[in-house]
Amino acid sequence: MSTPRIALIHATPLAIDPIVSAFRRLWPEARISNLLEDSLAPDLAAEGDLTERMTERFLTLTRYVHGCGADAVLFTCSAFGLAIEAAAKTVPVPVLKPNEAMLDEAMEAGDRISLIATFGPTVPGMTAELEALAKAKGRTLQLKTRCVPEANTALSNGDQLTHDTLVSSAATGMMPCDAVVLGQFSMASAARFIQPPAGCRVLTSPDSAIRRLRAILKA
């Protein structure tokens, strides 16, 4: 499938530019569409946890883009893993969580993983996913996590340089490790500022997700 239609579903406008730029760089032939539902993140923060009502919203969004002709669906919101898993069961096309490909690549790199986020609810969800992956593989995970909310505030205010500097500084402080995982699509721009030592990979959700989508749809 050389020119598939990929539906991108976002919970924040900050995720749109990183994934669109990554598609232009890695898979320009793909036809992408963007659907933004920016009440999801504040509603999750207010609820404190995923509710049945919020999960149903993910099912509705997924069915909608599939009905529009999507060959695959990629969510870019990191804090909603269980809702996305439920949504994936409702349509006959691939539905990817934002970080599943990146976390698989992190586990391939080694057991010492440093996870950085700028939105608090991202950390427990991704921690659970990594721990589940490690258990399934019979591995002993050595996980360090850090949330840098001030970076998210800077990016929301249009200050990408401050965002990237704060994230890269946090990454440097969490080395040595086998992989640095930037837990949100909106963080991808910081990767170019991170100077990992030999043997350490810096992973971003957009690049990993596109590699996974290409492999799935080609097969």
Protein backbone atom coordinates (compact mmCIF):
# COMPACT_ATOMS: atom_id res chain seq x y z
CA MET A 1 0.00 0.00 0.00
CA SER A 2 2.08 2.90 -1.31
CA THR A 3 -0.33 5.77 -0.56
CA PRO A 4 -2.41 4.74 2.45
CA ARG A 5 -4.74 7.10 4.26
CA ILE A 6 -3.63 7.50 7.88
CA ALA A 7 -5.96 9.18 10.38
CA LEU A 8 -4.14 11.02 13.17
CA ILE A 9 -6.21 11.71 16.28
CA HIS A 10 -4.87 14.33 18.69
CA ALA A 11 -5.75 15.45 22.21
CA THR A 12 -3.56 18.54 21.96
CA PRO A 13 -2.59 20.80 19.06
CA LEU A 14 1.02 20.54 20.24
CA ALA A 15 1.20 17.01 18.83
CA ILE A 16 0.21 17.92 15.28
CA ASP A 17 3.37 19.57 13.93
CA PRO A 18 5.78 16.85 15.18
CA ILE A 19 3.91 13.98 13.54
CA VAL A 20 3.14 15.87 10.32
CA SER A 21 6.81 16.84 10.01
CA ALA A 22 7.86 13.23 10.65
CA PHE A 23 5.54 11.97 7.92
CA ARG A 24 6.95 14.49 5.47
CA ARG A 25 10.44 13.29 6.30
CA LEU A 26 9.89 9.53 6.60
CA TRP A 27 6.78 8.71 4.55
CA PRO A 28 5.74 11.59 2.29
CA GLU A 29 3.61 9.31 0.11
CA ALA A 30 1.14 8.63 2.91
CA ARG A 31 -2.07 10.66 2.93
CA ILE A 32 -2.67 11.96 6.43
CA SER A 33 -5.64 13.64 8.09
CA ASN A 34 -5.73 15.33 11.49
CA LEU A 35 -8.60 15.18 13.96
CA LEU A 36 -8.18 17.31 17.11
CA GLU A 37 -10.27 16.78 20.26
CA ASP A 38 -8.58 19.10 22.72
CA SER A 39 -10.96 18.58 25.63
CA LEU A 40 -9.63 15.06 26.27
CA ALA A 41 -6.50 16.02 28.24
CA PRO A 42 -8.18 18.55 30.56
CA ASP A 43 -11.11 16.18 31.10
CA LEU A 44 -8.71 13.38 32.05
CA ALA A 45 -6.90 15.71 34.45
CA ALA A 46 -10.24 16.68 36.01
CA GLU A 47 -11.50 13.09 36.26
CA GLY A 48 -8.19 11.75 37.59
CA ASP A 49 -8.60 8.47 35.71
CA LEU A 50 -10.05 7.01 32.53
CA THR A 51 -13.80 6.59 32.92
CA GLU A 52 -16.21 4.50 30.88
CA ARG A 53 -17.65 7.68 29.41
CA MET A 54 -14.23 8.90 28.27
CA THR A 55 -13.38 5.51 26.78
CA GLU A 56 -16.60 5.65 24.76
CA ARG A 57 -15.41 8.92 23.25
CA PHE A 58 -12.34 7.12 21.90
CA LEU A 59 -14.54 4.46 20.34
CA THR A 60 -16.60 7.19 18.68
CA LEU A 61 -13.54 8.98 17.30
CA THR A 62 -12.10 5.73 15.94
CA ARG A 63 -15.32 4.69 14.24
CA TYR A 64 -15.64 8.15 12.72
CA VAL A 65 -12.21 8.20 11.03
CA HIS A 66 -12.64 4.62 9.87
CA GLY A 67 -15.94 5.63 8.31
CA CYS A 68 -14.07 8.41 6.51
CA GLY A 69 -11.86 5.83 4.81
CA ALA A 70 -8.80 5.51 7.04
CA ASP A 71 -6.53 2.56 6.31
CA ALA A 72 -4.95 2.94 9.76
CA VAL A 73 -5.42 5.09 12.85
CA LEU A 74 -2.70 6.60 15.00
CA PHE A 75 -3.52 8.29 18.29
CA THR A 76 -0.96 10.86 19.42
CA CYS A 77 -2.19 11.29 23.01
CA SER A 78 0.03 9.35 25.41
CA ALA A 79 -2.15 9.15 28.51
CA PHE A 80 -5.07 7.13 27.13
CA GLY A 81 -3.63 3.67 26.44
CA LEU A 82 -6.52 1.55 27.79
CA ALA A 83 -9.12 3.60 25.93
CA ILE A 84 -7.18 3.23 22.68
CA GLU A 85 -6.88 -0.54 23.18
CA ALA A 86 -10.67 -0.69 23.53
CA ALA A 87 -11.15 1.44 20.42
CA ALA A 88 -8.85 -0.80 18.38
CA LYS A 89 -11.30 -3.68 18.81
CA THR A 90 -14.11 -1.78 17.11
CA VAL A 91 -12.68 -1.36 13.59
CA PRO A 92 -11.02 -3.74 11.08
CA VAL A 93 -7.94 -1.58 10.44
CA PRO A 94 -4.73 -1.12 12.48
CA VAL A 95 -5.13 1.24 15.43
CA LEU A 96 -1.88 2.24 17.14
CA LYS A 97 -1.33 3.70 20.54
CA PRO A 98 1.08 6.63 20.31
CA ASN A 99 4.00 4.98 22.05
CA GLU A 100 3.67 1.24 21.51
CA ALA A 101 6.22 1.14 18.68
CA MET A 102 8.64 3.37 20.59
CA LEU A 103 8.40 1.26 23.74
CA ASP A 104 9.13 -1.90 21.76
CA GLU A 105 12.22 -0.21 20.32
CA ALA A 106 13.25 0.89 23.82
CA MET A 107 13.03 -2.69 25.08
CA GLU A 108 15.13 -3.83 22.13
CA ALA A 109 17.80 -1.32 23.19
CA GLY A 110 18.16 -2.76 26.69
CA ASP A 111 16.75 -2.87 30.22
CA ARG A 112 17.95 0.55 31.42
CA ILE A 113 15.30 2.96 30.19
CA SER A 114 14.84 6.65 31.05
CA LEU A 115 11.31 7.96 30.44
CA ILE A 116 10.68 11.69 30.24
CA ALA A 117 7.27 13.36 29.95
CA THR A 118 5.91 16.89 30.21
CA PHE A 119 2.28 15.92 31.01
CA GLY A 120 1.92 14.19 34.38
CA PRO A 121 -0.67 11.48 33.49
CA THR A 122 1.65 10.19 30.76
CA VAL A 123 4.11 8.73 33.28
CA PRO A 124 1.97 6.13 35.10
CA GLY A 125 0.40 4.90 31.86
CA MET A 126 3.70 4.44 30.06
CA THR A 127 5.32 2.96 33.16
CA ALA A 128 2.61 0.29 33.24
CA GLU A 129 3.10 -0.42 29.53
CA LEU A 130 6.86 -0.81 29.93
CA GLU A 131 6.50 -3.02 32.98
CA ALA A 132 4.01 -5.23 31.10
CA LEU A 133 6.40 -5.51 28.15
CA ALA A 134 9.29 -6.43 30.43
CA LYS A 135 7.21 -9.06 32.23
CA ALA A 136 6.06 -10.58 28.93
CA LYS A 137 9.67 -10.82 27.78
CA GLY A 138 10.97 -12.16 31.09
CA ARG A 139 13.18 -9.10 31.50
CA THR A 140 14.17 -7.05 34.56
CA LEU A 141 13.35 -3.42 33.82
CA GLN A 142 15.52 -0.66 35.26
CA LEU A 143 13.24 2.33 34.72
CA LYS A 144 13.84 5.96 35.64
CA THR A 145 11.06 8.50 35.08
CA ARG A 146 10.83 12.25 35.20
CA CYS A 147 8.09 14.75 34.40
CA VAL A 148 9.01 18.27 33.28
CA PRO A 149 5.72 20.20 33.30
CA GLU A 150 7.46 23.54 32.92
CA ALA A 151 8.57 22.39 29.46
CA ASN A 152 4.95 21.80 28.47
CA THR A 153 4.06 25.27 29.73
CA ALA A 154 6.83 26.81 27.66
CA LEU A 155 5.72 24.98 24.52
CA SER A 156 2.10 26.00 25.09
CA ASN A 157 3.32 29.59 25.22
CA GLY A 158 5.15 29.21 21.91
CA ASP A 159 8.64 28.93 23.40
CA GLN A 160 9.98 25.78 21.74
CA LEU A 161 13.61 26.54 22.52
CA THR A 162 12.96 26.61 26.27
CA HIS A 163 10.91 23.43 25.97
CA ASP A 164 13.68 21.64 24.08
CA THR A 165 16.37 22.88 26.46
CA LEU A 166 14.47 21.71 29.55
CA VAL A 167 13.76 18.28 28.07
CA SER A 168 17.33 17.76 26.86
CA SER A 169 18.69 18.83 30.26
CA ALA A 170 16.41 16.29 31.95
CA ALA A 171 17.60 13.59 29.54
CA THR A 172 21.24 14.33 30.26
CA GLY A 173 20.59 14.00 33.98
CA MET A 174 19.08 10.53 33.49
CA MET A 175 22.06 8.99 31.73
CA PRO A 176 23.70 6.50 31.48
CA CYS A 177 20.97 4.25 30.12
CA ASP A 178 20.21 2.11 27.09
CA ALA A 179 17.39 4.29 25.79
CA VAL A 180 15.96 7.74 26.45
CA VAL A 181 12.23 7.74 25.73
CA LEU A 182 10.52 11.06 24.99
CA GLY A 183 7.03 10.18 26.09
CA GLN A 184 4.90 12.58 24.03
CA PHE A 185 4.67 13.52 20.38
CA SER A 186 5.05 17.17 21.33
CA MET A 187 8.53 16.43 22.75
CA ALA A 188 10.08 15.18 19.50
CA SER A 189 11.75 18.49 18.69
CA ALA A 190 13.98 18.13 21.76
CA ALA A 191 15.67 14.99 20.43
CA ARG A 192 18.14 16.96 18.32
CA PHE A 193 19.53 18.65 21.44
CA ILE A 194 20.21 15.41 23.30
CA GLN A 195 23.75 14.07 23.00
CA PRO A 196 23.62 10.42 24.08
CA PRO A 197 26.75 8.43 24.88
CA ALA A 198 27.68 5.45 22.75
CA GLY A 199 25.17 2.64 23.06
CA CYS A 200 22.27 4.86 24.09
CA ARG A 201 19.29 5.47 21.78
CA VAL A 202 17.08 8.56 21.87
CA LEU A 203 13.58 7.57 20.79
CA THR A 204 10.62 9.71 19.75
CA SER A 205 7.03 8.62 19.28
CA PRO A 206 6.52 10.04 15.76
CA ASP A 207 9.50 8.32 14.14
CA SER A 208 8.86 4.98 15.83
CA ALA A 209 5.14 5.04 15.03
CA ILE A 210 5.72 5.75 11.35
CA ARG A 211 8.25 2.94 11.08
CA ARG A 212 5.70 0.57 12.63
CA LEU A 213 2.82 1.75 10.41
CA ARG A 214 4.87 1.34 7.25
CA ALA A 215 5.80 -2.20 8.24
CA ILE A 216 2.20 -3.15 9.09
CA LEU A 217 0.64 -1.74 5.93
CA LYS A 218 3.38 -3.05 3.67
CA ALA A 219 2.78 -6.53 5.04
